[in-house]
Amino acid sequence: MTSSQANVSPLRRRMIDDMRMRQLAPRTQDIYLRIVREFARFLGRSPDTDIVEDLRRFQ
């Protein structure tokens, strides 16, 4: 495991693993990760704590 992989949160690791299992294209994976990163920045916290209203405000 590289040092960059050691800093990955369990939520992000699960998302990456799920995308690979579904055989999403690498570019698609990058875009999905970027959007989730933007959502987390918008929330100011981990996206696994969001509620439906948070997602509506983000959209």
N, C-alpha and C. Protein backbone atom coordinates (compact mmCIF):
# COMPACT_ATOMS: atom_id res chain seq x y z
N MET A 1 0.85 -1.18 0.00
CA MET A 1 0.00 0.00 0.00
C MET A 1 0.89 1.24 0.00
N THR A 2 0.62 2.18 -0.92
CA THR A 2 1.42 3.39 -0.99
C THR A 2 0.95 4.38 0.07
N SER A 3 1.76 5.41 0.30
CA SER A 3 1.39 6.39 1.32
C SER A 3 0.11 7.13 0.95
N SER A 4 -0.14 7.34 -0.35
CA SER A 4 -1.38 8.02 -0.75
C SER A 4 -2.59 7.14 -0.49
N GLN A 5 -2.45 5.83 -0.61
CA GLN A 5 -3.55 4.93 -0.32
C GLN A 5 -3.82 4.84 1.17
N ALA A 6 -2.81 5.02 1.98
CA ALA A 6 -2.98 4.93 3.43
C ALA A 6 -3.83 6.08 3.96
N ASN A 7 -3.87 7.21 3.25
CA ASN A 7 -4.62 8.38 3.69
C ASN A 7 -6.06 8.40 3.18
N VAL A 8 -6.48 7.36 2.48
CA VAL A 8 -7.82 7.31 1.92
C VAL A 8 -8.81 6.88 3.00
N SER A 9 -9.91 7.64 3.12
CA SER A 9 -10.92 7.31 4.13
C SER A 9 -11.62 6.00 3.76
N PRO A 10 -12.20 5.33 4.74
CA PRO A 10 -12.93 4.09 4.44
C PRO A 10 -14.08 4.31 3.45
N LEU A 11 -14.74 5.44 3.55
CA LEU A 11 -15.84 5.74 2.64
C LEU A 11 -15.34 5.87 1.20
N ARG A 12 -14.26 6.60 1.02
CA ARG A 12 -13.67 6.78 -0.32
C ARG A 12 -13.16 5.45 -0.86
N ARG A 13 -12.50 4.66 -0.01
CA ARG A 13 -11.99 3.35 -0.42
C ARG A 13 -13.14 2.47 -0.90
N ARG A 14 -14.25 2.49 -0.18
CA ARG A 14 -15.42 1.68 -0.57
C ARG A 14 -15.97 2.15 -1.91
N MET A 15 -16.05 3.46 -2.11
CA MET A 15 -16.55 4.00 -3.37
C MET A 15 -15.65 3.57 -4.52
N ILE A 16 -14.33 3.68 -4.33
CA ILE A 16 -13.38 3.28 -5.38
C ILE A 16 -13.52 1.79 -5.68
N ASP A 17 -13.59 0.98 -4.63
CA ASP A 17 -13.73 -0.47 -4.82
C ASP A 17 -15.02 -0.80 -5.57
N ASP A 18 -16.11 -0.14 -5.19
CA ASP A 18 -17.41 -0.39 -5.86
C ASP A 18 -17.36 0.01 -7.33
N MET A 19 -16.73 1.13 -7.64
CA MET A 19 -16.63 1.58 -9.03
C MET A 19 -15.79 0.61 -9.85
N ARG A 20 -14.70 0.12 -9.26
CA ARG A 20 -13.86 -0.85 -9.97
C ARG A 20 -14.60 -2.16 -10.19
N MET A 21 -15.35 -2.60 -9.18
CA MET A 21 -16.11 -3.83 -9.30
C MET A 21 -17.15 -3.71 -10.41
N ARG A 22 -17.70 -2.54 -10.57
CA ARG A 22 -18.70 -2.30 -11.63
C ARG A 22 -18.04 -2.00 -12.97
N GLN A 23 -16.71 -2.00 -12.97
CA GLN A 23 -15.90 -1.79 -14.17
C GLN A 23 -16.19 -0.46 -14.85
N LEU A 24 -16.35 0.59 -14.03
CA LEU A 24 -16.51 1.92 -14.60
C LEU A 24 -15.18 2.37 -15.20
N ALA A 25 -15.26 3.13 -16.26
CA ALA A 25 -14.05 3.64 -16.91
C ALA A 25 -13.27 4.53 -15.94
N PRO A 26 -11.95 4.53 -16.05
CA PRO A 26 -11.14 5.37 -15.15
C PRO A 26 -11.56 6.84 -15.16
N ARG A 27 -11.90 7.39 -16.31
CA ARG A 27 -12.32 8.80 -16.40
C ARG A 27 -13.63 9.00 -15.64
N THR A 28 -14.55 8.06 -15.76
CA THR A 28 -15.82 8.13 -15.03
C THR A 28 -15.56 8.11 -13.53
N GLN A 29 -14.66 7.24 -13.09
CA GLN A 29 -14.31 7.17 -11.67
C GLN A 29 -13.75 8.51 -11.19
N ASP A 30 -12.87 9.11 -11.98
CA ASP A 30 -12.29 10.41 -11.61
C ASP A 30 -13.37 11.47 -11.46
N ILE A 31 -14.30 11.48 -12.39
CA ILE A 31 -15.38 12.48 -12.35
C ILE A 31 -16.26 12.27 -11.12
N TYR A 32 -16.64 11.02 -10.84
CA TYR A 32 -17.47 10.73 -9.67
C TYR A 32 -16.76 11.15 -8.39
N LEU A 33 -15.47 10.85 -8.29
CA LEU A 33 -14.72 11.23 -7.09
C LEU A 33 -14.63 12.75 -6.94
N ARG A 34 -14.46 13.44 -8.07
CA ARG A 34 -14.40 14.91 -8.03
C ARG A 34 -15.72 15.49 -7.54
N ILE A 35 -16.83 14.96 -8.02
CA ILE A 35 -18.14 15.46 -7.62
C ILE A 35 -18.38 15.21 -6.12
N VAL A 36 -18.02 14.05 -5.64
CA VAL A 36 -18.19 13.77 -4.21
C VAL A 36 -17.29 14.67 -3.38
N ARG A 37 -16.08 14.94 -3.87
CA ARG A 37 -15.17 15.86 -3.17
C ARG A 37 -15.78 17.27 -3.11
N GLU A 38 -16.38 17.72 -4.22
CA GLU A 38 -17.05 19.03 -4.24
C GLU A 38 -18.24 19.05 -3.28
N PHE A 39 -18.98 17.96 -3.22
CA PHE A 39 -20.12 17.87 -2.30
C PHE A 39 -19.65 17.95 -0.86
N ALA A 40 -18.57 17.24 -0.54
CA ALA A 40 -18.02 17.28 0.82
C ALA A 40 -17.55 18.70 1.17
N ARG A 41 -16.94 19.37 0.22
CA ARG A 41 -16.49 20.75 0.45
C ARG A 41 -17.70 21.66 0.69
N PHE A 42 -18.76 21.46 -0.08
CA PHE A 42 -19.99 22.23 0.08
C PHE A 42 -20.59 22.00 1.47
N LEU A 43 -20.61 20.74 1.90
CA LEU A 43 -21.18 20.40 3.20
C LEU A 43 -20.31 20.89 4.36
N GLY A 44 -18.99 20.84 4.15
CA GLY A 44 -18.08 21.16 5.24
C GLY A 44 -17.91 19.98 6.19
N ARG A 45 -18.29 18.79 5.72
CA ARG A 45 -18.16 17.58 6.52
C ARG A 45 -18.20 16.38 5.57
N SER A 46 -18.07 15.20 6.14
CA SER A 46 -18.09 13.98 5.34
C SER A 46 -19.45 13.79 4.68
N PRO A 47 -19.47 13.38 3.41
CA PRO A 47 -20.74 13.20 2.73
C PRO A 47 -21.58 12.05 3.30
N ASP A 48 -21.00 11.18 4.11
CA ASP A 48 -21.82 10.11 4.67
C ASP A 48 -22.72 10.59 5.80
N THR A 49 -22.63 11.89 6.13
CA THR A 49 -23.50 12.47 7.16
C THR A 49 -24.61 13.32 6.55
N ASP A 50 -24.72 13.31 5.22
CA ASP A 50 -25.69 14.17 4.56
C ASP A 50 -27.12 13.69 4.76
N ILE A 51 -28.03 14.60 4.50
CA ILE A 51 -29.46 14.28 4.48
C ILE A 51 -29.98 14.71 3.10
N VAL A 52 -31.18 14.31 2.77
CA VAL A 52 -31.73 14.60 1.45
C VAL A 52 -31.70 16.10 1.16
N GLU A 53 -32.00 16.90 2.15
CA GLU A 53 -32.03 18.36 1.95
C GLU A 53 -30.65 18.91 1.57
N ASP A 54 -29.58 18.32 2.11
CA ASP A 54 -28.23 18.74 1.74
C ASP A 54 -28.00 18.53 0.25
N LEU A 55 -28.40 17.39 -0.25
CA LEU A 55 -28.23 17.09 -1.67
C LEU A 55 -29.04 18.03 -2.53
N ARG A 56 -30.24 18.35 -2.10
CA ARG A 56 -31.08 19.30 -2.86
C ARG A 56 -30.43 20.67 -2.91
N ARG A 57 -29.88 21.12 -1.79
CA ARG A 57 -29.21 22.42 -1.78
C ARG A 57 -27.98 22.42 -2.69
N PHE A 58 -27.26 21.31 -2.70
CA PHE A 58 -26.06 21.20 -3.53
C PHE A 58 -26.40 21.24 -5.02
N GLN A 59 -27.49 20.58 -5.39
CA GLN A 59 -27.87 20.54 -6.80
C GLN A 59 -28.29 21.90 -7.28
